[in-house]
Amino acid sequence: MGEWKECKLGDVLNFKRGYDLPKSERKEGLIPIVSSSGISGYHDEYKVSAPGVVTGRYGTIGSVYYVDKPFWPLNTTLYITDFKGNDPKFIFYFLHSFDFEKYSDKSTVPGVNRNHLHLEDIIIPPLSGQRDIASVLSSLDDKIDLLHRQNATLESMAEALFRQWFVVEAKEEWEEGVLGDIVNFNYGKGLKDSDRSGNGFPVYGSNGIVGHHSEYLVEGPGIVTGRKGTLGVINYSFENFYPIDTTFYITSRRGSKGLYYEYLLLKVLKLDEMNTDSAVPGLNRNLAHSIQVNIPTTYLVQEFNLITEPIFLKIKTNKNQIRTLTALRDTLLPKLMSGEVRVEDTEHVKHPQLSLFLK
């Protein structure tokens, strides 16, 4: 392993438990509050200076977060108080390959003990090697983040066009109708975690993609929204997909190409306010179908879809590149962390396009 050294995890970092901060005591501010599942709010005071690395102590185990601004880690987390001369970004990536589940006590609420983590045997490169590895992985993550931000901007453009055409410039002579005249809410189908193949077509839950499966239920493009659990999140899939039984998938009653108009229409409607089950939030399809809407002419919808199609096709291209880059990063990460692959060899690791992406 060359200059790599064998040591304990506690020799390269020190974990500390986060701090309690009840919601009643939080004040409006810009300081991120980090829980075991990521940023969960904001406050006007911080406990830890940047950079920071945080992981779950209770609840969500195994997720690791890098924070580049002062923050408040909640008491459900462990955060690093001392990197002991190691590169913080490398430590962040290194912990992604760490088996936290091995230290979970498997109780009703999973938890890990920081003292047990500190005793784990590890092998780690010197500081220069850490920085090289972090640079490669950060370059991929930066490009992934840029593509996500581009897509958010593109979608905002499409939404602005929709509001201009169908809200601001709505015509009095448009037909008055209900949402069910435009779309149909169809029930998803149950698919247990244990039955999913883990690869293939995206599986959609009420909050988005929850896995992958070798078979699909609906041909893309398609729209998915929550039926139980999380309401109001509208997902658009360019590819064939499998909506599970906590969702509705939406089909057009008007044969709309691409479903762009229908997707943006659903985004402006407040489906999350139509909860019909106080215990577990639920959306009743009959109530959804009965939402009052003005129905523009078929010609106008077709024209709108034609104009917005390039925006959605660019989003599709970006999503495909995000998927490629994510797979590349996930392939490289364990190999770089184990020393199986060195930074100078990364151009030849199954993905010859790596050198292009890193330019």
Protein backbone atom coordinates (compact mmCIF):
# COMPACT_ATOMS: atom_id res chain seq x y z
CA MET A 1 0.00 0.00 0.00
CA GLY A 2 3.06 2.31 -0.24
CA GLU A 3 2.81 5.25 2.16
CA TRP A 4 -0.66 4.31 3.34
CA LYS A 5 -0.82 3.58 7.05
CA GLU A 6 -2.82 1.24 9.25
CA CYS A 7 -4.43 2.85 12.28
CA LYS A 8 -7.67 3.26 14.22
CA LEU A 9 -10.44 5.57 13.04
CA GLY A 10 -9.98 7.50 16.28
CA ASP A 11 -6.40 8.27 15.21
CA VAL A 12 -7.60 10.35 12.25
CA LEU A 13 -10.73 12.02 13.63
CA ASN A 14 -12.80 12.58 16.73
CA PHE A 15 -16.56 12.23 16.79
CA LYS A 16 -18.70 14.19 19.23
CA ARG A 17 -22.41 14.09 19.92
CA GLY A 18 -24.49 16.99 18.59
CA TYR A 19 -26.60 19.44 20.57
CA ASP A 20 -30.27 19.51 21.47
CA LEU A 21 -32.34 22.28 19.88
CA PRO A 22 -36.12 21.93 20.30
CA LYS A 23 -38.20 23.47 17.53
CA SER A 24 -39.73 25.85 20.06
CA GLU A 25 -36.30 27.38 20.66
CA ARG A 26 -35.25 27.84 17.05
CA LYS A 27 -35.04 31.38 15.74
CA GLU A 28 -35.17 32.51 12.14
CA GLY A 29 -31.72 32.66 10.62
CA LEU A 30 -29.32 31.32 8.00
CA ILE A 31 -27.45 28.75 10.08
CA PRO A 32 -28.22 25.20 8.85
CA ILE A 33 -29.46 22.72 11.45
CA VAL A 34 -28.13 19.27 10.58
CA SER A 35 -30.00 16.15 11.69
CA SER A 36 -29.30 12.47 10.99
CA SER A 37 -31.13 12.88 7.67
CA GLY A 38 -29.45 16.14 6.57
CA ILE A 39 -30.37 19.81 6.84
CA SER A 40 -33.70 19.94 8.67
CA GLY A 41 -34.05 23.68 9.30
CA TYR A 42 -32.23 26.91 10.06
CA HIS A 43 -31.32 28.92 13.18
CA ASP A 44 -29.64 32.22 14.06
CA GLU A 45 -26.79 30.65 16.06
CA TYR A 46 -24.17 28.04 15.27
CA LYS A 47 -22.31 25.53 17.40
CA VAL A 48 -19.62 24.35 14.98
CA SER A 49 -17.41 26.21 12.51
CA ALA A 50 -16.94 25.02 8.94
CA PRO A 51 -15.89 22.80 7.37
CA GLY A 52 -17.88 20.07 9.06
CA VAL A 53 -18.69 16.41 8.57
CA VAL A 54 -21.81 14.98 10.21
CA THR A 55 -23.36 11.52 10.40
CA GLY A 56 -26.37 10.04 12.14
CA ARG A 57 -26.11 8.89 15.75
CA TYR A 58 -29.76 7.86 16.05
CA GLY A 59 -32.45 7.32 13.44
CA THR A 60 -30.86 7.47 9.99
CA ILE A 61 -27.58 5.54 10.22
CA GLY A 62 -24.90 5.63 7.53
CA SER A 63 -25.67 8.93 5.80
CA VAL A 64 -22.78 11.41 5.85
CA TYR A 65 -23.01 15.15 5.21
CA TYR A 66 -20.36 17.75 4.38
CA VAL A 67 -21.14 21.27 5.61
CA ASP A 68 -19.20 24.20 4.18
CA LYS A 69 -20.62 26.89 6.49
CA PRO A 70 -21.03 27.21 10.28
CA PHE A 71 -23.81 24.90 11.47
CA TRP A 72 -25.73 23.39 14.38
CA PRO A 73 -25.53 19.57 14.60
CA LEU A 74 -28.53 18.11 16.43
CA ASN A 75 -28.18 15.57 19.20
CA THR A 76 -29.28 12.80 16.81
CA THR A 77 -25.93 13.22 15.06
CA LEU A 78 -22.21 12.79 15.51
CA TYR A 79 -19.97 15.52 14.12
CA ILE A 80 -16.19 15.67 13.78
CA THR A 81 -14.52 18.02 16.25
CA ASP A 82 -10.95 17.28 15.16
CA PHE A 83 -9.71 16.04 11.77
CA LYS A 84 -6.24 15.57 13.30
CA GLY A 85 -4.42 17.04 10.32
CA ASN A 86 -6.37 15.08 7.69
CA ASP A 87 -8.25 16.58 4.75
CA PRO A 88 -11.90 17.20 5.77
CA LYS A 89 -13.29 16.54 2.28
CA PHE A 90 -11.38 13.27 2.06
CA ILE A 91 -12.72 12.22 5.47
CA PHE A 92 -16.23 12.97 4.22
CA TYR A 93 -15.76 10.63 1.25
CA PHE A 94 -13.92 8.07 3.35
CA LEU A 95 -16.87 7.82 5.74
CA HIS A 96 -19.16 7.11 2.77
CA SER A 97 -17.39 3.77 2.43
CA PHE A 98 -17.56 3.08 6.16
CA ASP A 99 -19.94 0.39 7.46
CA PHE A 100 -21.87 2.28 10.13
CA GLU A 101 -24.59 -0.36 10.16
CA LYS A 102 -22.09 -2.76 11.71
CA TYR A 103 -22.16 -0.60 14.82
CA SER A 104 -25.91 -0.13 15.03
CA ASP A 105 -27.40 -1.63 18.19
CA LYS A 106 -30.43 -2.81 16.14
CA SER A 107 -32.86 -1.55 18.78
CA THR A 108 -36.24 0.03 18.05
CA VAL A 109 -34.40 3.25 17.14
CA PRO A 110 -31.02 2.37 15.55
CA GLY A 111 -28.03 4.05 17.16
CA VAL A 112 -24.23 4.01 17.13
CA ASN A 113 -21.67 4.63 19.85
CA ARG A 114 -18.84 6.98 18.89
CA ASN A 115 -16.35 5.18 21.14
CA HIS A 116 -16.95 1.96 19.23
CA LEU A 117 -16.44 3.77 15.93
CA HIS A 118 -13.12 5.17 17.09
CA LEU A 119 -11.77 1.62 17.54
CA GLU A 120 -12.33 0.54 13.93
CA ASP A 121 -9.17 -0.56 12.08
CA ILE A 122 -8.62 1.46 8.90
CA ILE A 123 -5.99 2.09 6.23
CA ILE A 124 -5.51 5.67 5.09
CA PRO A 125 -3.27 7.50 2.57
CA PRO A 126 -0.97 10.43 3.40
CA LEU A 127 -2.34 13.97 3.25
CA SER A 128 -1.22 14.56 -0.34
CA GLY A 129 -2.99 11.39 -1.45
CA GLN A 130 -6.09 12.39 0.50
CA ARG A 131 -6.25 15.71 -1.32
CA ASP A 132 -5.81 14.06 -4.71
CA ILE A 133 -8.63 11.60 -4.02
CA ALA A 134 -10.90 14.31 -2.66
CA SER A 135 -10.19 16.44 -5.73
CA VAL A 136 -11.28 13.69 -8.13
CA LEU A 137 -14.49 12.90 -6.25
CA SER A 138 -15.28 16.58 -5.62
CA SER A 139 -14.94 17.31 -9.34
CA LEU A 140 -17.59 14.72 -10.07
CA ASP A 141 -19.87 15.98 -7.30
CA ASP A 142 -19.44 19.59 -8.42
CA LYS A 143 -20.54 18.67 -11.95
CA ILE A 144 -23.49 16.68 -10.60
CA ASP A 145 -24.51 19.66 -8.46
CA LEU A 146 -24.16 22.04 -11.43
CA LEU A 147 -26.44 19.85 -13.54
CA HIS A 148 -29.03 19.69 -10.75
CA ARG A 149 -28.97 23.48 -10.48
CA GLN A 150 -29.29 23.84 -14.25
CA ASN A 151 -32.34 21.58 -14.19
CA ALA A 152 -33.90 23.61 -11.37
CA THR A 153 -33.42 26.76 -13.44
CA LEU A 154 -34.85 25.14 -16.57
CA GLU A 155 -37.90 23.90 -14.70
CA SER A 156 -38.43 27.36 -13.20
CA MET A 157 -38.40 28.76 -16.75
CA ALA A 158 -41.05 26.26 -17.83
CA GLU A 159 -43.18 27.08 -14.78
CA ALA A 160 -42.90 30.81 -15.52
CA LEU A 161 -44.06 30.22 -19.08
CA PHE A 162 -46.98 28.13 -17.82
CA ARG A 163 -48.13 30.82 -15.41
CA GLN A 164 -47.84 33.49 -18.09
CA TRP A 165 -49.84 31.51 -20.66
CA PHE A 166 -52.46 29.88 -18.46
CA VAL A 167 -52.77 32.10 -15.38
CA VAL A 168 -51.83 35.67 -16.25
CA GLU A 169 -53.21 35.50 -19.80
CA ALA A 170 -56.16 33.19 -19.06
CA LYS A 171 -59.16 33.87 -21.27
CA GLU A 172 -62.71 34.31 -20.01
CA GLU A 173 -64.06 32.24 -22.86
CA TRP A 174 -62.11 29.15 -21.80
CA GLU A 175 -64.29 26.24 -20.79
CA GLU A 176 -64.94 25.81 -17.07
CA GLY A 177 -64.30 22.26 -15.96
CA VAL A 178 -62.56 20.01 -13.46
CA LEU A 179 -59.12 18.44 -13.30
CA GLY A 180 -60.66 15.08 -14.16
CA ASP A 181 -61.52 16.47 -17.60
CA ILE A 182 -57.78 16.85 -18.28
CA VAL A 183 -56.05 13.99 -16.44
CA ASN A 184 -56.78 10.73 -14.71
CA PHE A 185 -55.26 9.68 -11.38
CA ASN A 186 -54.36 5.96 -11.57
CA TYR A 187 -53.41 3.77 -8.61
CA GLY A 188 -49.85 2.51 -8.34
CA LYS A 189 -49.11 -1.11 -7.51
CA GLY A 190 -47.48 -2.66 -4.44
CA LEU A 191 -43.84 -3.72 -4.73
CA LYS A 192 -42.03 -4.74 -1.53
CA ASP A 193 -38.42 -3.71 -0.95
CA SER A 194 -37.44 -7.38 -0.87
CA ASP A 195 -38.97 -7.96 -4.30
CA ARG A 196 -37.12 -5.12 -6.06
CA SER A 197 -34.19 -6.17 -8.20
CA GLY A 198 -32.14 -3.09 -7.30
CA ASN A 199 -31.42 -2.14 -10.89
CA GLY A 200 -33.32 -1.31 -14.05
CA PHE A 201 -36.32 1.02 -14.04
CA PRO A 202 -36.94 3.67 -11.35
CA VAL A 203 -39.45 2.78 -8.63
CA TYR A 204 -41.42 5.82 -7.44
CA GLY A 205 -42.85 6.35 -3.97
CA SER A 206 -44.80 9.39 -2.83
CA ASN A 207 -41.62 11.44 -2.37
CA GLY A 208 -39.70 10.37 -5.48
CA ILE A 209 -37.46 7.51 -6.55
CA VAL A 210 -37.19 4.86 -3.81
CA GLY A 211 -35.33 2.16 -5.72
CA HIS A 212 -35.06 0.33 -9.03
CA HIS A 213 -36.61 -2.80 -10.48
CA SER A 214 -36.12 -5.00 -13.55
CA GLU A 215 -39.76 -4.51 -14.62
CA TYR A 216 -41.84 -1.40 -15.18
CA LEU A 217 -45.55 -0.73 -14.76
CA VAL A 218 -45.95 2.46 -16.81
CA GLU A 219 -44.34 3.59 -20.05
CA GLY A 220 -42.65 6.97 -19.88
CA PRO A 221 -42.88 9.83 -20.05
CA GLY A 222 -45.13 9.92 -17.02
CA ILE A 223 -46.13 11.82 -13.91
CA VAL A 224 -46.29 10.52 -10.32
CA THR A 225 -47.68 12.09 -7.15
CA GLY A 226 -48.27 10.85 -3.62
CA ARG A 227 -51.44 9.01 -2.62
CA LYS A 228 -50.32 8.21 0.95
CA GLY A 229 -47.59 9.73 3.07
CA THR A 230 -45.98 12.69 1.32
CA LEU A 231 -48.51 14.76 -0.62
CA GLY A 232 -47.96 17.51 -3.17
CA VAL A 233 -44.63 16.30 -4.64
CA ILE A 234 -45.02 15.99 -8.42
CA ASN A 235 -42.41 13.83 -10.16
CA TYR A 236 -41.84 13.61 -13.91
CA SER A 237 -40.21 10.49 -15.36
CA PHE A 238 -38.77 10.50 -18.87
CA GLU A 239 -38.27 6.74 -18.80
CA ASN A 240 -40.50 3.76 -18.08
CA PHE A 241 -41.16 3.45 -14.35
CA TYR A 242 -42.87 1.56 -11.54
CA PRO A 243 -45.19 3.63 -9.28
CA ILE A 244 -45.85 1.79 -6.01
CA ASP A 245 -49.16 1.70 -4.13
CA THR A 246 -48.51 4.89 -2.13
CA THR A 247 -48.75 6.86 -5.38
CA PHE A 248 -50.96 7.86 -8.26
CA TYR A 249 -49.58 7.97 -11.77
CA ILE A 250 -51.22 10.50 -14.05
CA THR A 251 -52.37 9.96 -17.62
CA SER A 252 -53.74 12.57 -20.01
CA ARG A 253 -57.35 12.45 -21.14
CA ARG A 254 -56.46 14.69 -24.07
CA GLY A 255 -53.55 12.75 -25.58
CA SER A 256 -51.09 15.50 -24.70
CA LYS A 257 -47.62 14.93 -26.10
CA GLY A 258 -44.96 14.81 -23.44
CA LEU A 259 -47.40 15.65 -20.63
CA TYR A 260 -45.59 18.96 -20.14
CA TYR A 261 -48.78 20.98 -19.73
CA GLU A 262 -50.28 18.41 -17.34
CA TYR A 263 -47.10 18.23 -15.26
CA LEU A 264 -46.88 21.99 -14.81
CA LEU A 265 -50.62 22.27 -14.13
CA LEU A 266 -50.32 19.75 -11.29
CA LYS A 267 -47.36 21.66 -9.86
CA VAL A 268 -49.38 24.86 -9.45
CA LEU A 269 -52.30 23.06 -7.79
CA LYS A 270 -51.93 22.62 -4.04
CA LEU A 271 -52.48 18.88 -3.75
CA ASP A 272 -50.74 18.82 -0.37
CA GLU A 273 -53.67 20.80 1.06
CA MET A 274 -56.14 18.05 0.15
CA ASN A 275 -55.25 15.70 3.00
CA THR A 276 -58.14 13.31 3.70
CA ASP A 277 -56.52 11.28 6.47
CA SER A 278 -55.23 13.02 9.59
CA ALA A 279 -53.21 10.02 10.83
CA VAL A 280 -51.46 9.23 7.54
CA PRO A 281 -51.75 12.00 4.95
CA GLY A 282 -53.79 10.81 1.99
CA LEU A 283 -55.11 12.13 -1.32
CA ASN A 284 -58.55 11.07 -2.54
CA ARG A 285 -58.57 10.66 -6.32
CA ASN A 286 -62.22 11.71 -6.61
CA LEU A 287 -61.48 14.95 -4.77
CA ALA A 288 -58.46 15.52 -7.01
CA HIS A 289 -60.55 14.91 -10.12
CA SER A 290 -63.11 17.46 -8.89
CA ILE A 291 -60.70 20.42 -8.58
CA GLN A 292 -62.13 23.36 -10.51
CA VAL A 293 -59.97 24.48 -13.44
CA ASN A 294 -60.28 26.53 -16.61
CA ILE A 295 -59.60 24.44 -19.70
CA PRO A 296 -57.67 26.16 -22.51
CA THR A 297 -58.07 25.17 -26.14
CA THR A 298 -56.36 22.02 -27.37
CA TYR A 299 -54.46 24.10 -29.92
CA LEU A 300 -52.99 26.35 -27.21
CA VAL A 301 -51.89 23.36 -25.12
CA GLN A 302 -50.23 21.78 -28.17
CA GLU A 303 -48.45 25.04 -28.96
CA PHE A 304 -47.27 25.35 -25.35
CA ASN A 305 -45.96 21.77 -25.36
CA LEU A 306 -44.08 22.45 -28.60
CA ILE A 307 -42.40 25.55 -27.17
CA THR A 308 -41.46 23.96 -23.84
CA GLU A 309 -40.27 20.65 -25.30
CA PRO A 310 -36.64 21.86 -25.81
CA ILE A 311 -36.52 22.82 -22.12
CA PHE A 312 -37.65 19.37 -21.03
CA LEU A 313 -35.31 17.62 -23.49
CA LYS A 314 -32.38 19.56 -22.01
CA ILE A 315 -33.51 18.49 -18.54
CA LYS A 316 -33.59 14.90 -19.80
CA THR A 317 -30.05 15.17 -21.20
CA ASN A 318 -28.82 16.59 -17.89
CA LYS A 319 -30.51 13.80 -15.94
CA ASN A 320 -28.83 11.19 -18.10
CA GLN A 321 -25.46 12.81 -17.47
CA ILE A 322 -26.19 13.00 -13.73
CA ARG A 323 -26.92 9.27 -13.74
CA THR A 324 -23.65 8.53 -15.58
CA LEU A 325 -21.58 10.73 -13.29
CA THR A 326 -23.20 9.33 -10.16
CA ALA A 327 -22.48 5.75 -11.26
CA LEU A 328 -18.91 6.75 -12.05
CA ARG A 329 -18.42 8.36 -8.64
CA ASP A 330 -19.94 5.39 -6.83
CA THR A 331 -17.68 3.02 -8.77
CA LEU A 332 -14.55 5.00 -8.04
CA LEU A 333 -15.16 5.83 -4.38
CA PRO A 334 -14.55 2.39 -2.79
CA LYS A 335 -11.68 1.65 -5.17
CA LEU A 336 -9.93 4.92 -4.34
CA MET A 337 -10.54 4.50 -0.61
CA SER A 338 -9.08 0.99 -0.56
CA GLY A 339 -6.05 1.91 -2.66
CA GLU A 340 -7.12 -0.54 -5.37
CA VAL A 341 -7.13 2.38 -7.81
CA ARG A 342 -4.79 5.36 -7.62
CA VAL A 343 -5.72 8.83 -8.82
CA GLU A 344 -3.30 8.64 -11.74
CA ASP A 345 -5.11 5.53 -12.96
CA THR A 346 -8.65 6.89 -12.84
CA GLU A 347 -8.81 7.63 -16.56
CA HIS A 348 -8.83 3.88 -17.20
CA VAL A 349 -11.42 2.73 -14.66
CA LYS A 350 -14.30 1.28 -16.70
CA HIS A 351 -15.36 4.82 -17.64
CA PRO A 352 -12.90 6.28 -20.18
CA GLN A 353 -14.99 9.48 -20.22
CA LEU A 354 -13.72 10.36 -16.72
CA SER A 355 -10.91 12.48 -18.15
CA LEU A 356 -13.50 14.48 -20.13
CA PHE A 357 -15.70 15.08 -17.09
CA LEU A 358 -12.77 16.20 -14.96
CA LYS A 359 -11.52 18.85 -17.41
